[in-house]
Amino acid sequence: QVKLVESGGGLVQPGGSLRLSCAASGSLWNAMAWYRQAPGQQREFVAMITSSGYKHFADSVQGRFAISQDNTRNTVYLQMNNLRPEDTAVYYCNRGGLPLTSLTWGQGTQVTVSS
């Protein structure tokens, strides 16, 4: 069972940037994704990357967030720029392309955007 550990969250002012990392204990899956869950909200898709290089983003982060992966380090990254208060959430990484209810979730990393 591959374990995922997210890191890199923190408190940032609106307009700021953060880079999240997701380290896997084994090889990455063919599709990896980032998700987030804000207080009182359902978990939602943020961005996905496949082994072929295909990338897909939620409309709410398109043009502000970038996703990448380093297979030598078994790590997926989420570069978040021009952050907004509505980006505040716990961010998780996991397999991409599967129903969220079928996935097992780690601790995530908290991102708070506030002045």
N, C-alpha and C. Protein backbone atom coordinates (compact mmCIF):
# COMPACT_ATOMS: atom_id res chain seq x y z
N GLN A 1 0.85 -1.18 0.00
CA GLN A 1 0.00 0.00 0.00
C GLN A 1 0.90 1.25 0.00
N VAL A 2 0.77 2.05 -1.03
CA VAL A 2 1.56 3.28 -1.12
C VAL A 2 0.99 4.31 -0.16
N LYS A 3 1.84 4.90 0.64
CA LYS A 3 1.42 5.97 1.54
C LYS A 3 1.85 7.32 0.98
N LEU A 4 0.98 8.31 1.20
CA LEU A 4 1.22 9.66 0.69
C LEU A 4 1.33 10.62 1.86
N VAL A 5 2.30 11.50 1.81
CA VAL A 5 2.48 12.50 2.87
C VAL A 5 2.55 13.88 2.22
N GLU A 6 1.57 14.71 2.58
CA GLU A 6 1.51 16.07 2.04
C GLU A 6 2.23 17.04 2.98
N SER A 7 2.84 18.06 2.39
CA SER A 7 3.53 19.08 3.18
C SER A 7 3.58 20.38 2.39
N GLY A 8 3.99 21.45 3.09
CA GLY A 8 4.19 22.72 2.42
C GLY A 8 3.11 23.76 2.67
N GLY A 9 2.08 23.37 3.39
CA GLY A 9 1.01 24.34 3.68
C GLY A 9 1.46 25.39 4.68
N GLY A 10 0.58 26.36 4.89
CA GLY A 10 0.89 27.41 5.84
C GLY A 10 -0.07 28.57 5.70
N LEU A 11 0.28 29.67 6.37
CA LEU A 11 -0.50 30.89 6.32
C LEU A 11 0.14 31.84 5.32
N VAL A 12 -0.64 32.36 4.40
CA VAL A 12 -0.13 33.26 3.38
C VAL A 12 -1.14 34.37 3.14
N GLN A 13 -0.64 35.53 2.78
CA GLN A 13 -1.54 36.65 2.48
C GLN A 13 -2.15 36.50 1.09
N PRO A 14 -3.31 37.10 0.89
CA PRO A 14 -3.89 37.08 -0.47
C PRO A 14 -2.89 37.61 -1.50
N GLY A 15 -2.84 36.91 -2.63
CA GLY A 15 -1.87 37.26 -3.66
C GLY A 15 -0.55 36.54 -3.54
N GLY A 16 -0.35 35.85 -2.42
CA GLY A 16 0.90 35.14 -2.19
C GLY A 16 0.95 33.79 -2.87
N SER A 17 2.04 33.08 -2.63
CA SER A 17 2.27 31.78 -3.27
C SER A 17 2.71 30.75 -2.25
N LEU A 18 2.43 29.51 -2.56
CA LEU A 18 2.90 28.36 -1.79
C LEU A 18 3.15 27.21 -2.75
N ARG A 19 4.08 26.34 -2.37
CA ARG A 19 4.27 25.11 -3.13
C ARG A 19 4.06 23.93 -2.20
N LEU A 20 3.11 23.10 -2.55
CA LEU A 20 2.81 21.90 -1.78
C LEU A 20 3.56 20.71 -2.39
N SER A 21 3.95 19.80 -1.52
CA SER A 21 4.61 18.57 -1.95
C SER A 21 3.84 17.36 -1.47
N CYS A 22 3.87 16.31 -2.24
CA CYS A 22 3.23 15.05 -1.87
C CYS A 22 4.25 13.95 -2.14
N ALA A 23 4.77 13.39 -1.07
CA ALA A 23 5.79 12.34 -1.18
C ALA A 23 5.13 10.98 -1.04
N ALA A 24 5.39 10.10 -2.01
CA ALA A 24 4.84 8.75 -1.98
C ALA A 24 5.90 7.76 -1.50
N SER A 25 5.44 6.74 -0.76
CA SER A 25 6.37 5.73 -0.25
C SER A 25 6.79 4.75 -1.33
N GLY A 26 6.11 4.78 -2.47
CA GLY A 26 6.45 3.93 -3.60
C GLY A 26 6.26 4.70 -4.89
N SER A 27 6.20 3.98 -5.97
CA SER A 27 6.04 4.64 -7.27
C SER A 27 4.70 5.36 -7.36
N LEU A 28 4.70 6.48 -8.06
CA LEU A 28 3.46 7.22 -8.26
C LEU A 28 2.53 6.44 -9.19
N TRP A 29 1.27 6.64 -9.02
CA TRP A 29 0.28 6.05 -9.93
C TRP A 29 0.29 6.79 -11.26
N ASN A 30 -0.30 6.19 -12.27
CA ASN A 30 -0.32 6.82 -13.59
C ASN A 30 -1.00 8.18 -13.59
N ALA A 31 -1.99 8.35 -12.73
CA ALA A 31 -2.65 9.64 -12.58
C ALA A 31 -2.61 10.04 -11.11
N MET A 32 -2.09 11.23 -10.86
CA MET A 32 -2.02 11.77 -9.51
C MET A 32 -2.79 13.08 -9.48
N ALA A 33 -3.40 13.37 -8.35
CA ALA A 33 -4.21 14.57 -8.28
C ALA A 33 -4.11 15.22 -6.91
N TRP A 34 -4.44 16.49 -6.90
CA TRP A 34 -4.60 17.23 -5.65
C TRP A 34 -6.08 17.53 -5.47
N TYR A 35 -6.49 17.48 -4.21
CA TYR A 35 -7.86 17.77 -3.83
C TYR A 35 -7.81 18.71 -2.63
N ARG A 36 -8.94 19.31 -2.30
CA ARG A 36 -8.97 20.16 -1.12
C ARG A 36 -10.35 20.10 -0.47
N GLN A 37 -10.35 20.39 0.82
CA GLN A 37 -11.61 20.41 1.57
C GLN A 37 -11.60 21.62 2.49
N ALA A 38 -12.52 22.52 2.24
CA ALA A 38 -12.68 23.70 3.08
C ALA A 38 -13.63 23.37 4.22
N PRO A 39 -13.57 24.12 5.32
CA PRO A 39 -14.46 23.85 6.45
C PRO A 39 -15.93 23.86 6.03
N GLY A 40 -16.65 22.81 6.39
CA GLY A 40 -18.06 22.73 6.08
C GLY A 40 -18.38 22.40 4.63
N GLN A 41 -17.34 22.13 3.84
CA GLN A 41 -17.53 21.84 2.42
C GLN A 41 -17.12 20.40 2.10
N GLN A 42 -17.58 19.92 0.98
CA GLN A 42 -17.14 18.60 0.52
C GLN A 42 -15.76 18.70 -0.11
N ARG A 43 -15.06 17.59 -0.07
CA ARG A 43 -13.75 17.54 -0.72
C ARG A 43 -13.95 17.73 -2.21
N GLU A 44 -13.05 18.48 -2.84
CA GLU A 44 -13.19 18.76 -4.27
C GLU A 44 -11.88 18.60 -5.00
N PHE A 45 -12.00 18.33 -6.28
CA PHE A 45 -10.85 18.19 -7.16
C PHE A 45 -10.20 19.54 -7.40
N VAL A 46 -8.86 19.55 -7.45
CA VAL A 46 -8.11 20.77 -7.74
C VAL A 46 -7.31 20.64 -9.04
N ALA A 47 -6.50 19.60 -9.14
CA ALA A 47 -5.63 19.46 -10.32
C ALA A 47 -5.19 18.02 -10.45
N MET A 48 -4.91 17.62 -11.68
CA MET A 48 -4.47 16.26 -11.95
C MET A 48 -3.35 16.25 -12.98
N ILE A 49 -2.45 15.27 -12.86
CA ILE A 49 -1.39 15.07 -13.85
C ILE A 49 -1.28 13.58 -14.12
N THR A 50 -1.04 13.23 -15.38
CA THR A 50 -0.87 11.82 -15.73
C THR A 50 0.57 11.55 -16.14
N SER A 51 0.92 10.30 -16.22
CA SER A 51 2.28 9.90 -16.57
C SER A 51 2.64 10.33 -17.99
N SER A 52 1.62 10.58 -18.82
CA SER A 52 1.87 11.03 -20.19
C SER A 52 2.04 12.55 -20.27
N GLY A 53 1.84 13.21 -19.13
CA GLY A 53 2.02 14.65 -19.10
C GLY A 53 0.74 15.46 -19.22
N TYR A 54 -0.38 14.78 -19.35
CA TYR A 54 -1.66 15.49 -19.41
C TYR A 54 -1.95 16.13 -18.07
N LYS A 55 -2.42 17.38 -18.12
CA LYS A 55 -2.77 18.11 -16.90
C LYS A 55 -4.18 18.67 -17.02
N HIS A 56 -4.87 18.68 -15.89
CA HIS A 56 -6.23 19.20 -15.87
C HIS A 56 -6.45 19.93 -14.55
N PHE A 57 -7.13 21.06 -14.64
CA PHE A 57 -7.34 21.89 -13.45
C PHE A 57 -8.81 22.22 -13.27
N ALA A 58 -9.20 22.40 -12.02
CA ALA A 58 -10.53 22.92 -11.73
C ALA A 58 -10.60 24.35 -12.24
N ASP A 59 -11.78 24.76 -12.66
CA ASP A 59 -11.95 26.11 -13.20
C ASP A 59 -11.50 27.18 -12.20
N SER A 60 -11.72 26.90 -10.92
CA SER A 60 -11.44 27.89 -9.89
C SER A 60 -9.95 28.17 -9.71
N VAL A 61 -9.09 27.28 -10.19
CA VAL A 61 -7.64 27.47 -10.01
C VAL A 61 -6.90 27.59 -11.34
N GLN A 62 -7.62 27.42 -12.43
CA GLN A 62 -7.00 27.49 -13.76
C GLN A 62 -6.25 28.81 -13.92
N GLY A 63 -5.01 28.72 -14.37
CA GLY A 63 -4.21 29.92 -14.58
C GLY A 63 -3.47 30.41 -13.35
N ARG A 64 -3.79 29.87 -12.20
CA ARG A 64 -3.12 30.27 -10.95
C ARG A 64 -2.28 29.14 -10.36
N PHE A 65 -2.72 27.92 -10.52
CA PHE A 65 -2.05 26.75 -9.97
C PHE A 65 -1.35 25.97 -11.08
N ALA A 66 -0.26 25.31 -10.71
CA ALA A 66 0.45 24.42 -11.63
C ALA A 66 0.75 23.12 -10.90
N ILE A 67 0.70 22.01 -11.64
CA ILE A 67 0.98 20.70 -11.06
C ILE A 67 2.16 20.08 -11.79
N SER A 68 3.00 19.40 -11.06
CA SER A 68 4.15 18.74 -11.66
C SER A 68 4.51 17.52 -10.82
N GLN A 69 5.38 16.69 -11.36
CA GLN A 69 5.80 15.52 -10.60
C GLN A 69 7.26 15.20 -10.90
N ASP A 70 7.91 14.60 -9.93
CA ASP A 70 9.29 14.17 -10.07
C ASP A 70 9.32 12.67 -9.78
N ASN A 71 9.39 11.87 -10.82
CA ASN A 71 9.33 10.42 -10.64
C ASN A 71 10.57 9.88 -9.93
N THR A 72 11.67 10.60 -10.02
CA THR A 72 12.89 10.14 -9.33
C THR A 72 12.74 10.29 -7.81
N ARG A 73 11.89 11.20 -7.41
CA ARG A 73 11.65 11.43 -5.98
C ARG A 73 10.28 10.92 -5.53
N ASN A 74 9.52 10.33 -6.46
CA ASN A 74 8.15 9.86 -6.16
C ASN A 74 7.34 10.97 -5.48
N THR A 75 7.42 12.17 -6.04
CA THR A 75 6.80 13.33 -5.42
C THR A 75 6.00 14.12 -6.46
N VAL A 76 4.84 14.58 -6.02
CA VAL A 76 3.98 15.44 -6.83
C VAL A 76 3.94 16.81 -6.16
N TYR A 77 3.94 17.85 -6.98
CA TYR A 77 3.94 19.21 -6.46
C TYR A 77 2.71 19.97 -6.93
N LEU A 78 2.31 20.93 -6.12
CA LEU A 78 1.26 21.87 -6.51
C LEU A 78 1.76 23.28 -6.22
N GLN A 79 2.06 24.00 -7.28
CA GLN A 79 2.49 25.39 -7.15
C GLN A 79 1.25 26.27 -7.19
N MET A 80 1.04 27.02 -6.13
CA MET A 80 -0.17 27.84 -6.02
C MET A 80 0.24 29.31 -5.99
N ASN A 81 -0.21 30.05 -6.97
CA ASN A 81 0.10 31.47 -7.08
C ASN A 81 -1.17 32.30 -6.99
N ASN A 82 -0.99 33.57 -6.69
CA ASN A 82 -2.12 34.50 -6.60
C ASN A 82 -3.24 33.91 -5.73
N LEU A 83 -2.86 33.46 -4.56
CA LEU A 83 -3.81 32.81 -3.68
C LEU A 83 -4.90 33.75 -3.21
N ARG A 84 -6.08 33.18 -3.02
CA ARG A 84 -7.26 33.93 -2.59
C ARG A 84 -7.78 33.35 -1.29
N PRO A 85 -8.52 34.13 -0.52
CA PRO A 85 -9.09 33.58 0.72
C PRO A 85 -9.92 32.32 0.49
N GLU A 86 -10.58 32.23 -0.65
CA GLU A 86 -11.40 31.05 -0.93
C GLU A 86 -10.58 29.81 -1.25
N ASP A 87 -9.26 29.95 -1.34
CA ASP A 87 -8.39 28.79 -1.51
C ASP A 87 -8.07 28.13 -0.16
N THR A 88 -8.50 28.76 0.92
CA THR A 88 -8.26 28.20 2.25
C THR A 88 -8.92 26.84 2.38
N ALA A 89 -8.12 25.83 2.73
CA ALA A 89 -8.63 24.46 2.82
C ALA A 89 -7.49 23.55 3.28
N VAL A 90 -7.85 22.31 3.58
CA VAL A 90 -6.85 21.27 3.75
C VAL A 90 -6.66 20.63 2.38
N TYR A 91 -5.41 20.55 1.95
CA TYR A 91 -5.08 20.02 0.63
C TYR A 91 -4.55 18.59 0.76
N TYR A 92 -5.03 17.73 -0.09
CA TYR A 92 -4.66 16.33 -0.11
C TYR A 92 -4.20 15.93 -1.50
N CYS A 93 -3.28 14.98 -1.56
CA CYS A 93 -2.97 14.37 -2.85
C CYS A 93 -3.44 12.91 -2.80
N ASN A 94 -3.67 12.37 -3.99
CA ASN A 94 -4.15 10.99 -4.08
C ASN A 94 -4.13 10.57 -5.54
N ARG A 95 -4.61 9.39 -5.79
CA ARG A 95 -4.75 8.94 -7.17
C ARG A 95 -5.74 9.84 -7.89
N GLY A 96 -5.53 10.00 -9.18
CA GLY A 96 -6.44 10.79 -9.98
C GLY A 96 -7.36 9.90 -10.78
N GLY A 97 -8.50 10.47 -11.18
CA GLY A 97 -9.40 9.77 -12.08
C GLY A 97 -10.30 8.73 -11.45
N LEU A 98 -10.36 8.73 -10.13
CA LEU A 98 -11.22 7.76 -9.43
C LEU A 98 -12.23 8.49 -8.56
N PRO A 99 -13.36 7.85 -8.26
CA PRO A 99 -14.32 8.50 -7.34
C PRO A 99 -13.67 8.77 -5.99
N LEU A 100 -13.93 9.94 -5.45
CA LEU A 100 -13.31 10.32 -4.19
C LEU A 100 -13.67 9.36 -3.07
N THR A 101 -14.86 8.80 -3.12
CA THR A 101 -15.30 7.90 -2.06
C THR A 101 -14.55 6.58 -2.08
N SER A 102 -13.85 6.28 -3.15
CA SER A 102 -13.11 5.02 -3.24
C SER A 102 -11.68 5.16 -2.73
N LEU A 103 -11.27 6.37 -2.38
CA LEU A 103 -9.89 6.63 -2.00
C LEU A 103 -9.71 6.66 -0.49
N THR A 104 -8.50 6.28 -0.07
CA THR A 104 -8.09 6.41 1.33
C THR A 104 -7.28 7.67 1.46
N TRP A 105 -7.57 8.47 2.49
CA TRP A 105 -6.98 9.80 2.59
C TRP A 105 -5.96 9.89 3.70
N GLY A 106 -4.93 10.71 3.46
CA GLY A 106 -3.92 10.98 4.47
C GLY A 106 -4.30 12.19 5.30
N GLN A 107 -3.30 12.80 5.94
CA GLN A 107 -3.54 13.92 6.85
C GLN A 107 -3.79 15.22 6.11
N GLY A 108 -3.23 15.35 4.93
CA GLY A 108 -3.35 16.60 4.21
C GLY A 108 -2.45 17.68 4.79
N THR A 109 -2.48 18.84 4.17
CA THR A 109 -1.72 19.98 4.66
C THR A 109 -2.61 21.22 4.59
N GLN A 110 -2.62 21.98 5.68
CA GLN A 110 -3.52 23.13 5.80
C GLN A 110 -2.95 24.33 5.06
N VAL A 111 -3.79 24.94 4.23
CA VAL A 111 -3.45 26.20 3.57
C VAL A 111 -4.46 27.24 4.02
N THR A 112 -3.96 28.34 4.58
CA THR A 112 -4.81 29.42 5.03
C THR A 112 -4.39 30.70 4.33
N VAL A 113 -5.33 31.31 3.64
CA VAL A 113 -5.06 32.56 2.93
C VAL A 113 -5.83 33.67 3.63
N SER A 114 -5.09 34.54 4.27
CA SER A 114 -5.73 35.58 5.07
C SER A 114 -4.76 36.73 5.28
N SER A 115 -5.32 37.93 5.38
CA SER A 115 -4.50 39.10 5.69
C SER A 115 -4.48 39.35 7.19
